[in-house]
């Protein structure tokens, strides 16, 4: 696996687990904030759809030049996904939640997409895949152990993206 592919995987992994510090680091190293994942979703949409949505990750991407109007294959933007998810959560207070990706013993439950990604690592770079998988799983568990407030974070994300949309309509 080449360094570019490795950085791309680290980038999307960091977005999915809400690691804004790592996202900023990779952006500073030259990662394009409009990069699409292997499913054709721009980074900003991946952040809006993340299991643990983090407004600081969205801010990092936008500050680095991510296009808030970018769409995926279904023609949806990050704002569309954030609004839909917020609507599914419904009205209510901003409760602190524990990640649903942890089982009753505190072990990480990986999504089908994550399992596919790890299988791809083993196919593409079997000599380093075990180490990469271990690092990813450790980082994923750290992120899952954080308490998070998805409704609050989604409200912040929606507000920020709506503000950007209003500014682009004025110009």
N, C-alpha and C. Protein backbone atom coordinates (compact mmCIF):
# COMPACT_ATOMS: atom_id res chain seq x y z
N UNK A 1 0.85 -1.17 0.00
CA UNK A 1 0.00 0.00 0.00
C UNK A 1 0.89 1.23 0.00
N UNK A 2 0.60 2.18 -0.86
CA UNK A 2 1.43 3.39 -0.91
C UNK A 2 1.01 4.38 0.17
N UNK A 3 1.83 5.36 0.42
CA UNK A 3 1.60 6.33 1.50
C UNK A 3 0.34 7.15 1.25
N UNK A 4 0.06 7.45 -0.01
CA UNK A 4 -1.14 8.23 -0.33
C UNK A 4 -2.41 7.46 0.05
N UNK A 5 -2.44 6.18 -0.29
CA UNK A 5 -3.60 5.34 0.05
C UNK A 5 -3.73 5.19 1.56
N UNK A 6 -2.59 5.04 2.23
CA UNK A 6 -2.59 4.90 3.69
C UNK A 6 -3.12 6.18 4.34
N UNK A 7 -2.67 7.34 3.87
CA UNK A 7 -3.15 8.61 4.43
C UNK A 7 -4.64 8.82 4.17
N UNK A 8 -5.09 8.40 3.01
CA UNK A 8 -6.51 8.51 2.68
C UNK A 8 -7.34 7.66 3.64
N UNK A 9 -6.87 6.47 3.93
CA UNK A 9 -7.58 5.59 4.87
C UNK A 9 -7.56 6.17 6.28
N UNK A 10 -6.42 6.70 6.67
CA UNK A 10 -6.32 7.35 7.99
C UNK A 10 -7.27 8.53 8.06
N UNK A 11 -7.34 9.29 6.97
CA UNK A 11 -8.20 10.47 6.89
C UNK A 11 -9.67 10.09 7.11
N UNK A 12 -10.17 9.14 6.33
CA UNK A 12 -11.57 8.76 6.47
C UNK A 12 -11.85 8.03 7.78
N UNK A 13 -10.89 7.25 8.26
CA UNK A 13 -11.05 6.62 9.56
C UNK A 13 -11.16 7.65 10.66
N UNK A 14 -10.33 8.69 10.58
CA UNK A 14 -10.35 9.77 11.58
C UNK A 14 -11.65 10.56 11.52
N UNK A 15 -12.16 10.77 10.32
CA UNK A 15 -13.44 11.46 10.17
C UNK A 15 -14.55 10.63 10.81
N UNK A 16 -14.56 9.34 10.52
CA UNK A 16 -15.63 8.47 11.04
C UNK A 16 -15.65 8.40 12.56
N UNK A 17 -14.49 8.47 13.19
CA UNK A 17 -14.46 8.37 14.66
C UNK A 17 -14.41 9.73 15.34
N UNK A 18 -14.49 10.80 14.57
CA UNK A 18 -14.56 12.14 15.15
C UNK A 18 -13.25 12.66 15.69
N UNK A 19 -12.13 12.22 15.11
CA UNK A 19 -10.80 12.64 15.58
C UNK A 19 -10.38 13.91 14.82
N UNK A 20 -10.85 15.06 15.30
CA UNK A 20 -10.59 16.34 14.62
C UNK A 20 -9.10 16.67 14.57
N UNK A 21 -8.40 16.31 15.62
CA UNK A 21 -6.96 16.60 15.65
C UNK A 21 -6.24 15.88 14.51
N UNK A 22 -6.53 14.63 14.32
CA UNK A 22 -5.89 13.85 13.24
C UNK A 22 -6.35 14.36 11.89
N UNK A 23 -7.62 14.72 11.76
CA UNK A 23 -8.13 15.26 10.49
C UNK A 23 -7.36 16.53 10.15
N UNK A 24 -7.21 17.44 11.11
CA UNK A 24 -6.46 18.69 10.87
C UNK A 24 -5.01 18.40 10.48
N UNK A 25 -4.42 17.43 11.16
CA UNK A 25 -3.03 17.06 10.87
C UNK A 25 -2.89 16.59 9.42
N UNK A 26 -3.79 15.73 8.99
CA UNK A 26 -3.73 15.21 7.62
C UNK A 26 -4.03 16.30 6.59
N UNK A 27 -4.95 17.20 6.92
CA UNK A 27 -5.22 18.33 6.03
C UNK A 27 -3.98 19.22 5.91
N UNK A 28 -3.30 19.45 7.03
CA UNK A 28 -2.08 20.27 7.02
C UNK A 28 -0.97 19.60 6.21
N UNK A 29 -1.00 18.28 6.14
CA UNK A 29 0.00 17.54 5.35
C UNK A 29 -0.36 17.48 3.87
N UNK A 30 -1.49 18.10 3.50
CA UNK A 30 -1.84 18.18 2.10
C UNK A 30 -3.04 17.36 1.65
N UNK A 31 -3.75 16.71 2.58
CA UNK A 31 -4.93 15.95 2.18
C UNK A 31 -5.98 16.92 1.65
N UNK A 32 -6.58 16.59 0.53
CA UNK A 32 -7.61 17.43 -0.08
C UNK A 32 -8.91 17.28 0.72
N UNK A 33 -9.47 18.38 1.23
CA UNK A 33 -10.70 18.28 2.02
C UNK A 33 -11.91 17.83 1.21
N UNK A 34 -11.79 17.81 -0.11
CA UNK A 34 -12.88 17.37 -0.97
C UNK A 34 -12.69 15.94 -1.49
N UNK A 35 -11.71 15.24 -0.94
CA UNK A 35 -11.46 13.85 -1.33
C UNK A 35 -12.70 13.02 -1.08
N UNK A 36 -12.97 12.08 -2.00
CA UNK A 36 -14.10 11.17 -1.84
C UNK A 36 -13.62 9.81 -1.35
N UNK A 37 -14.47 9.15 -0.58
CA UNK A 37 -14.12 7.80 -0.14
C UNK A 37 -14.38 6.82 -1.29
N UNK A 38 -14.17 5.55 -1.04
CA UNK A 38 -14.30 4.58 -2.13
C UNK A 38 -15.74 4.40 -2.60
N UNK A 39 -16.68 4.96 -1.84
CA UNK A 39 -18.09 4.93 -2.24
C UNK A 39 -18.50 6.22 -2.96
N UNK A 40 -17.52 7.09 -3.19
CA UNK A 40 -17.78 8.33 -3.91
C UNK A 40 -18.37 9.45 -3.05
N UNK A 41 -18.29 9.29 -1.74
CA UNK A 41 -18.82 10.32 -0.84
C UNK A 41 -17.71 11.29 -0.45
N UNK A 42 -17.94 12.59 -0.64
CA UNK A 42 -16.96 13.58 -0.21
C UNK A 42 -16.77 13.53 1.31
N UNK A 43 -15.60 13.94 1.76
CA UNK A 43 -15.25 13.88 3.18
C UNK A 43 -16.29 14.58 4.06
N UNK A 44 -16.82 15.69 3.62
CA UNK A 44 -17.80 16.43 4.40
C UNK A 44 -19.08 15.61 4.61
N UNK A 45 -19.48 14.88 3.60
CA UNK A 45 -20.66 14.00 3.73
C UNK A 45 -20.34 12.85 4.67
N UNK A 46 -19.16 12.29 4.58
CA UNK A 46 -18.76 11.22 5.50
C UNK A 46 -18.83 11.74 6.94
N UNK A 47 -18.38 12.96 7.17
CA UNK A 47 -18.43 13.55 8.51
C UNK A 47 -19.86 13.74 8.99
N UNK A 48 -20.74 14.19 8.11
CA UNK A 48 -22.14 14.41 8.48
C UNK A 48 -22.86 13.10 8.74
N UNK A 49 -22.43 12.03 8.09
CA UNK A 49 -23.06 10.71 8.26
C UNK A 49 -22.39 9.87 9.34
N UNK A 50 -21.32 10.38 9.93
CA UNK A 50 -20.54 9.58 10.89
C UNK A 50 -21.41 9.10 12.05
N UNK A 51 -21.06 7.95 12.55
CA UNK A 51 -21.77 7.39 13.71
C UNK A 51 -21.70 8.36 14.88
N UNK A 52 -20.55 8.98 15.05
CA UNK A 52 -20.36 9.97 16.10
C UNK A 52 -20.10 11.30 15.39
N UNK A 53 -21.16 12.03 15.04
CA UNK A 53 -20.95 13.29 14.33
C UNK A 53 -20.26 14.31 15.23
N UNK A 54 -19.22 14.92 14.73
CA UNK A 54 -18.47 15.91 15.51
C UNK A 54 -18.39 17.21 14.71
N UNK A 55 -18.94 18.27 15.28
CA UNK A 55 -18.92 19.55 14.59
C UNK A 55 -17.49 20.05 14.38
N UNK A 56 -16.57 19.70 15.25
CA UNK A 56 -15.18 20.15 15.08
C UNK A 56 -14.54 19.51 13.85
N UNK A 57 -14.95 18.31 13.49
CA UNK A 57 -14.44 17.67 12.27
C UNK A 57 -15.01 18.40 11.06
N UNK A 58 -16.31 18.69 11.08
CA UNK A 58 -16.93 19.44 9.98
C UNK A 58 -16.25 20.80 9.85
N UNK A 59 -16.02 21.47 10.98
CA UNK A 59 -15.34 22.77 10.94
C UNK A 59 -13.94 22.66 10.34
N UNK A 60 -13.20 21.62 10.71
CA UNK A 60 -11.85 21.44 10.17
C UNK A 60 -11.89 21.28 8.66
N UNK A 61 -12.84 20.49 8.17
CA UNK A 61 -12.97 20.29 6.72
C UNK A 61 -13.37 21.58 6.01
N UNK A 62 -14.36 22.28 6.57
CA UNK A 62 -14.81 23.53 5.94
C UNK A 62 -13.70 24.58 5.96
N UNK A 63 -12.99 24.68 7.09
CA UNK A 63 -11.90 25.65 7.19
C UNK A 63 -10.79 25.36 6.18
N UNK A 64 -10.65 24.08 5.81
CA UNK A 64 -9.62 23.69 4.85
C UNK A 64 -10.10 23.79 3.41
N UNK A 65 -11.37 24.20 3.22
CA UNK A 65 -11.86 24.40 1.87
C UNK A 65 -12.82 23.35 1.35
N UNK A 66 -13.37 22.50 2.21
CA UNK A 66 -14.35 21.51 1.74
C UNK A 66 -15.56 22.23 1.15
N UNK A 67 -16.07 21.70 0.08
CA UNK A 67 -17.21 22.30 -0.62
C UNK A 67 -18.52 21.86 0.04
N UNK A 68 -19.23 22.76 0.71
CA UNK A 68 -20.48 22.37 1.37
C UNK A 68 -21.59 22.00 0.39
N UNK A 69 -21.43 22.34 -0.88
CA UNK A 69 -22.43 22.00 -1.89
C UNK A 69 -22.14 20.68 -2.61
N UNK A 70 -21.03 20.03 -2.25
CA UNK A 70 -20.66 18.76 -2.89
C UNK A 70 -21.73 17.71 -2.59
N UNK A 71 -22.02 16.89 -3.60
CA UNK A 71 -23.04 15.85 -3.46
C UNK A 71 -22.44 14.47 -3.64
N UNK A 72 -23.21 13.48 -3.19
CA UNK A 72 -22.81 12.10 -3.41
C UNK A 72 -23.57 11.55 -4.62
N UNK A 73 -23.49 10.26 -4.85
CA UNK A 73 -24.15 9.65 -6.01
C UNK A 73 -25.66 9.80 -5.96
N UNK A 74 -26.22 10.00 -4.75
CA UNK A 74 -27.67 10.17 -4.61
C UNK A 74 -28.09 11.64 -4.74
N UNK A 75 -27.11 12.54 -4.98
CA UNK A 75 -27.41 13.95 -5.14
C UNK A 75 -27.63 14.68 -3.83
N UNK A 76 -27.22 14.07 -2.71
CA UNK A 76 -27.41 14.71 -1.40
C UNK A 76 -26.12 15.37 -0.93
N UNK A 77 -26.30 16.45 -0.17
CA UNK A 77 -25.17 17.17 0.42
C UNK A 77 -25.02 16.76 1.89
N UNK A 78 -23.95 17.25 2.50
CA UNK A 78 -23.74 17.00 3.93
C UNK A 78 -24.90 17.59 4.74
N UNK A 79 -25.38 18.74 4.34
CA UNK A 79 -26.51 19.37 5.02
C UNK A 79 -27.75 18.48 4.93
N UNK A 80 -28.00 17.90 3.77
CA UNK A 80 -29.14 16.99 3.63
C UNK A 80 -29.06 15.84 4.62
N UNK A 81 -27.88 15.22 4.71
CA UNK A 81 -27.71 14.09 5.63
C UNK A 81 -27.84 14.51 7.09
N UNK A 82 -27.26 15.64 7.44
CA UNK A 82 -27.33 16.11 8.83
C UNK A 82 -28.77 16.42 9.21
N UNK A 83 -29.50 17.08 8.32
CA UNK A 83 -30.91 17.39 8.60
C UNK A 83 -31.74 16.12 8.76
N UNK A 84 -31.53 15.16 7.88
CA UNK A 84 -32.29 13.90 7.95
C UNK A 84 -32.02 13.17 9.25
N UNK A 85 -30.76 13.14 9.63
CA UNK A 85 -30.42 12.42 10.87
C UNK A 85 -30.99 13.15 12.08
N UNK A 86 -30.91 14.45 12.08
CA UNK A 86 -31.46 15.23 13.18
C UNK A 86 -32.97 15.01 13.27
N UNK A 87 -33.64 14.95 12.13
CA UNK A 87 -35.08 14.70 12.11
C UNK A 87 -35.40 13.31 12.67
N UNK A 88 -34.57 12.32 12.34
CA UNK A 88 -34.78 10.96 12.87
C UNK A 88 -34.61 10.92 14.38
N UNK A 89 -33.68 11.72 14.91
CA UNK A 89 -33.49 11.77 16.36
C UNK A 89 -34.68 12.42 17.05
N UNK A 90 -35.37 13.28 16.32
CA UNK A 90 -36.54 13.93 16.85
C UNK A 90 -36.20 15.04 17.84
N UNK A 91 -37.24 15.73 18.31
CA UNK A 91 -37.01 16.82 19.26
C UNK A 91 -36.63 16.25 20.62
N UNK A 92 -36.04 17.08 21.40
CA UNK A 92 -35.72 16.65 22.76
C UNK A 92 -34.43 17.25 23.25
N UNK A 93 -34.13 16.97 24.50
CA UNK A 93 -32.91 17.53 25.09
C UNK A 93 -31.67 16.83 24.55
N UNK A 94 -30.55 17.46 24.78
CA UNK A 94 -29.27 16.92 24.33
C UNK A 94 -28.71 15.97 25.38
N UNK A 95 -29.16 14.74 25.35
CA UNK A 95 -28.68 13.75 26.31
C UNK A 95 -27.28 13.28 25.93
N UNK A 96 -26.50 12.97 26.94
CA UNK A 96 -25.18 12.38 26.71
C UNK A 96 -25.40 10.89 26.48
N UNK A 97 -24.80 10.38 25.42
CA UNK A 97 -24.96 8.97 25.06
C UNK A 97 -23.61 8.26 25.11
N UNK A 98 -23.68 6.97 25.30
CA UNK A 98 -22.52 6.12 25.13
C UNK A 98 -22.64 5.51 23.74
N UNK A 99 -21.54 5.32 23.10
CA UNK A 99 -21.56 4.83 21.73
C UNK A 99 -22.27 3.48 21.63
N UNK A 100 -23.18 3.33 20.65
CA UNK A 100 -23.82 2.04 20.44
C UNK A 100 -22.88 1.02 19.78
N UNK A 101 -21.67 1.46 19.45
CA UNK A 101 -20.73 0.53 18.82
C UNK A 101 -19.94 -0.28 19.84
N UNK A 102 -20.21 -0.04 21.13
CA UNK A 102 -19.57 -0.85 22.16
C UNK A 102 -20.56 -1.90 22.65
N UNK A 103 -20.07 -3.13 22.79
CA UNK A 103 -20.95 -4.15 23.34
C UNK A 103 -20.95 -4.05 24.87
N UNK A 104 -21.65 -4.94 25.53
CA UNK A 104 -21.78 -4.86 26.99
C UNK A 104 -20.46 -5.05 27.72
N UNK A 105 -19.45 -5.57 27.03
CA UNK A 105 -18.12 -5.78 27.63
C UNK A 105 -17.13 -4.68 27.26
N UNK A 106 -17.59 -3.69 26.50
CA UNK A 106 -16.72 -2.59 26.10
C UNK A 106 -15.90 -2.86 24.85
N UNK A 107 -16.22 -3.93 24.14
CA UNK A 107 -15.54 -4.24 22.88
C UNK A 107 -16.22 -3.51 21.73
N UNK A 108 -15.42 -3.11 20.75
CA UNK A 108 -15.95 -2.37 19.61
C UNK A 108 -16.65 -3.31 18.65
N UNK A 109 -17.85 -2.89 18.23
CA UNK A 109 -18.57 -3.58 17.17
C UNK A 109 -18.33 -2.80 15.89
N UNK A 110 -17.62 -3.40 14.96
CA UNK A 110 -17.32 -2.72 13.71
C UNK A 110 -18.48 -2.84 12.74
N UNK A 111 -18.68 -1.79 11.97
CA UNK A 111 -19.73 -1.80 10.95
C UNK A 111 -19.29 -2.69 9.79
N UNK A 112 -20.23 -3.01 8.93
CA UNK A 112 -19.92 -3.79 7.75
C UNK A 112 -18.89 -3.05 6.88
N UNK A 113 -19.05 -1.74 6.76
CA UNK A 113 -18.11 -0.93 5.97
C UNK A 113 -16.70 -1.01 6.57
N UNK A 114 -16.62 -0.95 7.90
CA UNK A 114 -15.30 -1.04 8.55
C UNK A 114 -14.70 -2.42 8.36
N UNK A 115 -15.51 -3.47 8.47
CA UNK A 115 -14.99 -4.83 8.25
C UNK A 115 -14.49 -5.00 6.82
N UNK A 116 -15.22 -4.42 5.86
CA UNK A 116 -14.78 -4.47 4.45
C UNK A 116 -13.46 -3.72 4.27
N UNK A 117 -13.35 -2.57 4.93
CA UNK A 117 -12.13 -1.77 4.84
C UNK A 117 -10.93 -2.57 5.38
N UNK A 118 -11.12 -3.24 6.52
CA UNK A 118 -10.04 -4.02 7.13
C UNK A 118 -9.68 -5.21 6.25
N UNK A 119 -10.68 -5.86 5.67
CA UNK A 119 -10.41 -6.97 4.75
C UNK A 119 -9.60 -6.49 3.55
N UNK A 120 -9.92 -5.28 3.09
CA UNK A 120 -9.18 -4.69 1.96
C UNK A 120 -7.72 -4.44 2.36
N UNK A 121 -7.49 -3.98 3.59
CA UNK A 121 -6.11 -3.79 4.06
C UNK A 121 -5.35 -5.11 4.00
N UNK A 122 -6.00 -6.18 4.44
CA UNK A 122 -5.34 -7.50 4.46
C UNK A 122 -5.06 -8.00 3.05
N UNK A 123 -5.92 -7.66 2.11
CA UNK A 123 -5.68 -8.05 0.72
C UNK A 123 -4.57 -7.22 0.09
N UNK A 124 -4.61 -5.89 0.33
CA UNK A 124 -3.69 -4.98 -0.33
C UNK A 124 -2.30 -4.94 0.28
N UNK A 125 -2.21 -5.10 1.58
CA UNK A 125 -0.91 -4.98 2.26
C UNK A 125 -0.85 -5.96 3.43
N UNK A 126 -0.82 -7.25 3.15
CA UNK A 126 -0.85 -8.24 4.23
C UNK A 126 0.29 -8.11 5.23
N UNK A 127 1.41 -7.55 4.79
CA UNK A 127 2.57 -7.42 5.68
C UNK A 127 2.36 -6.36 6.77
N UNK A 128 1.50 -5.40 6.55
CA UNK A 128 1.27 -4.34 7.54
C UNK A 128 -0.16 -4.29 8.05
N UNK A 129 -1.04 -5.11 7.49
CA UNK A 129 -2.47 -5.02 7.79
C UNK A 129 -2.78 -5.28 9.27
N UNK A 130 -2.13 -6.24 9.87
CA UNK A 130 -2.43 -6.55 11.27
C UNK A 130 -2.11 -5.36 12.18
N UNK A 131 -0.99 -4.71 11.92
CA UNK A 131 -0.62 -3.53 12.72
C UNK A 131 -1.59 -2.38 12.49
N UNK A 132 -1.94 -2.15 11.24
CA UNK A 132 -2.89 -1.09 10.91
C UNK A 132 -4.24 -1.37 11.56
N UNK A 133 -4.68 -2.62 11.48
CA UNK A 133 -5.96 -3.00 12.08
C UNK A 133 -5.95 -2.78 13.59
N UNK A 134 -4.86 -3.12 14.23
CA UNK A 134 -4.76 -2.93 15.69
C UNK A 134 -4.83 -1.44 16.05
N UNK A 135 -4.09 -0.62 15.32
CA UNK A 135 -4.11 0.82 15.58
C UNK A 135 -5.52 1.37 15.35
N UNK A 136 -6.13 0.98 14.25
CA UNK A 136 -7.47 1.47 13.93
C UNK A 136 -8.46 1.06 15.02
N UNK A 137 -8.41 -0.18 15.45
CA UNK A 137 -9.34 -0.68 16.46
C UNK A 137 -9.13 0.04 17.79
N UNK A 138 -7.88 0.29 18.15
CA UNK A 138 -7.60 1.03 19.39
C UNK A 138 -8.17 2.45 19.32
N UNK A 139 -7.93 3.13 18.20
CA UNK A 139 -8.43 4.50 18.03
C UNK A 139 -9.96 4.51 18.00
N UNK A 140 -10.53 3.52 17.36
CA UNK A 140 -11.98 3.40 17.27
C UNK A 140 -12.59 3.19 18.67
N UNK A 141 -11.94 2.38 19.48
CA UNK A 141 -12.43 2.13 20.84
C UNK A 141 -12.33 3.40 21.68
N UNK A 142 -11.21 4.13 21.54
CA UNK A 142 -11.06 5.40 22.28
C UNK A 142 -12.20 6.34 21.93
N UNK A 143 -12.49 6.43 20.65
CA UNK A 143 -13.57 7.31 20.21
C UNK A 143 -14.92 6.83 20.74
N UNK A 144 -15.13 5.53 20.73
CA UNK A 144 -16.41 4.97 21.20
C UNK A 144 -16.59 5.16 22.71
N UNK A 145 -15.51 5.22 23.44
CA UNK A 145 -15.61 5.39 24.89
C UNK A 145 -15.96 6.82 25.29
N UNK A 146 -15.73 7.76 24.37
CA UNK A 146 -16.11 9.14 24.67
C UNK A 146 -17.62 9.22 24.81
N UNK A 147 -18.05 10.10 25.64
CA UNK A 147 -19.48 10.38 25.69
C UNK A 147 -19.75 11.37 24.58
N UNK A 148 -20.88 11.22 23.94
CA UNK A 148 -21.16 12.12 22.85
C UNK A 148 -22.61 12.56 22.88
N UNK A 149 -22.86 13.65 22.22
CA UNK A 149 -24.19 14.26 22.18
C UNK A 149 -24.58 14.48 20.72
N UNK A 150 -25.07 13.45 20.04
CA UNK A 150 -25.32 13.57 18.60
C UNK A 150 -26.31 14.66 18.23
N UNK A 151 -27.37 14.84 19.00
CA UNK A 151 -28.37 15.85 18.65
C UNK A 151 -27.73 17.24 18.67
N UNK A 152 -26.97 17.52 19.72
CA UNK A 152 -26.32 18.83 19.83
C UNK A 152 -25.33 19.04 18.69
N UNK A 153 -24.51 18.03 18.42
CA UNK A 153 -23.51 18.13 17.36
C UNK A 153 -24.18 18.32 16.00
N UNK A 154 -25.25 17.59 15.74
CA UNK A 154 -25.95 17.73 14.46
C UNK A 154 -26.58 19.11 14.33
N UNK A 155 -27.10 19.65 15.42
CA UNK A 155 -27.66 21.01 15.36
C UNK A 155 -26.56 22.01 14.97
N UNK A 156 -25.39 21.86 15.56
CA UNK A 156 -24.26 22.76 15.25
C UNK A 156 -23.86 22.60 13.78
N UNK A 157 -23.78 21.35 13.32
CA UNK A 157 -23.40 21.08 11.92
C UNK A 157 -24.42 21.68 10.97
N UNK A 158 -25.70 21.45 11.23
CA UNK A 158 -26.76 21.98 10.37
C UNK A 158 -26.68 23.51 10.33
N UNK A 159 -26.55 24.13 11.49
CA UNK A 159 -26.49 25.60 11.54
C UNK A 159 -25.32 26.13 10.73
N UNK A 160 -24.14 25.49 10.88
CA UNK A 160 -22.95 25.94 10.15
C UNK A 160 -23.13 25.79 8.64
N UNK A 161 -23.66 24.65 8.22
CA UNK A 161 -23.84 24.41 6.79
C UNK A 161 -24.93 25.31 6.21
N UNK A 162 -25.98 25.55 6.97
CA UNK A 162 -27.03 26.47 6.50
C UNK A 162 -26.47 27.88 6.34
N UNK A 163 -25.65 28.33 7.28
CA UNK A 163 -25.04 29.65 7.17
C UNK A 163 -24.20 29.76 5.91
N UNK A 164 -23.44 28.72 5.61
CA UNK A 164 -22.62 28.73 4.40
C UNK A 164 -23.49 28.76 3.15
N UNK A 165 -24.60 28.03 3.18
CA UNK A 165 -25.52 28.01 2.04
C UNK A 165 -26.15 29.37 1.81
N UNK A 166 -26.50 30.06 2.91
CA UNK A 166 -27.09 31.39 2.77
C UNK A 166 -26.09 32.36 2.18
N UNK A 167 -24.83 32.26 2.61
CA UNK A 167 -23.79 33.15 2.07
C UNK A 167 -23.57 32.91 0.59
N UNK A 168 -23.60 31.65 0.16
CA UNK A 168 -23.35 31.36 -1.25
C UNK A 168 -24.53 31.82 -2.11
N UNK A 169 -25.75 31.83 -1.55
CA UNK A 169 -26.90 32.31 -2.31
C UNK A 169 -26.84 33.82 -2.51
N UNK A 170 -26.27 34.53 -1.54
CA UNK A 170 -26.14 35.99 -1.61
C UNK A 170 -25.12 36.38 -2.67
N UNK A 171 -24.06 35.62 -2.79
CA UNK A 171 -22.98 35.96 -3.71
C UNK A 171 -23.33 35.62 -5.09
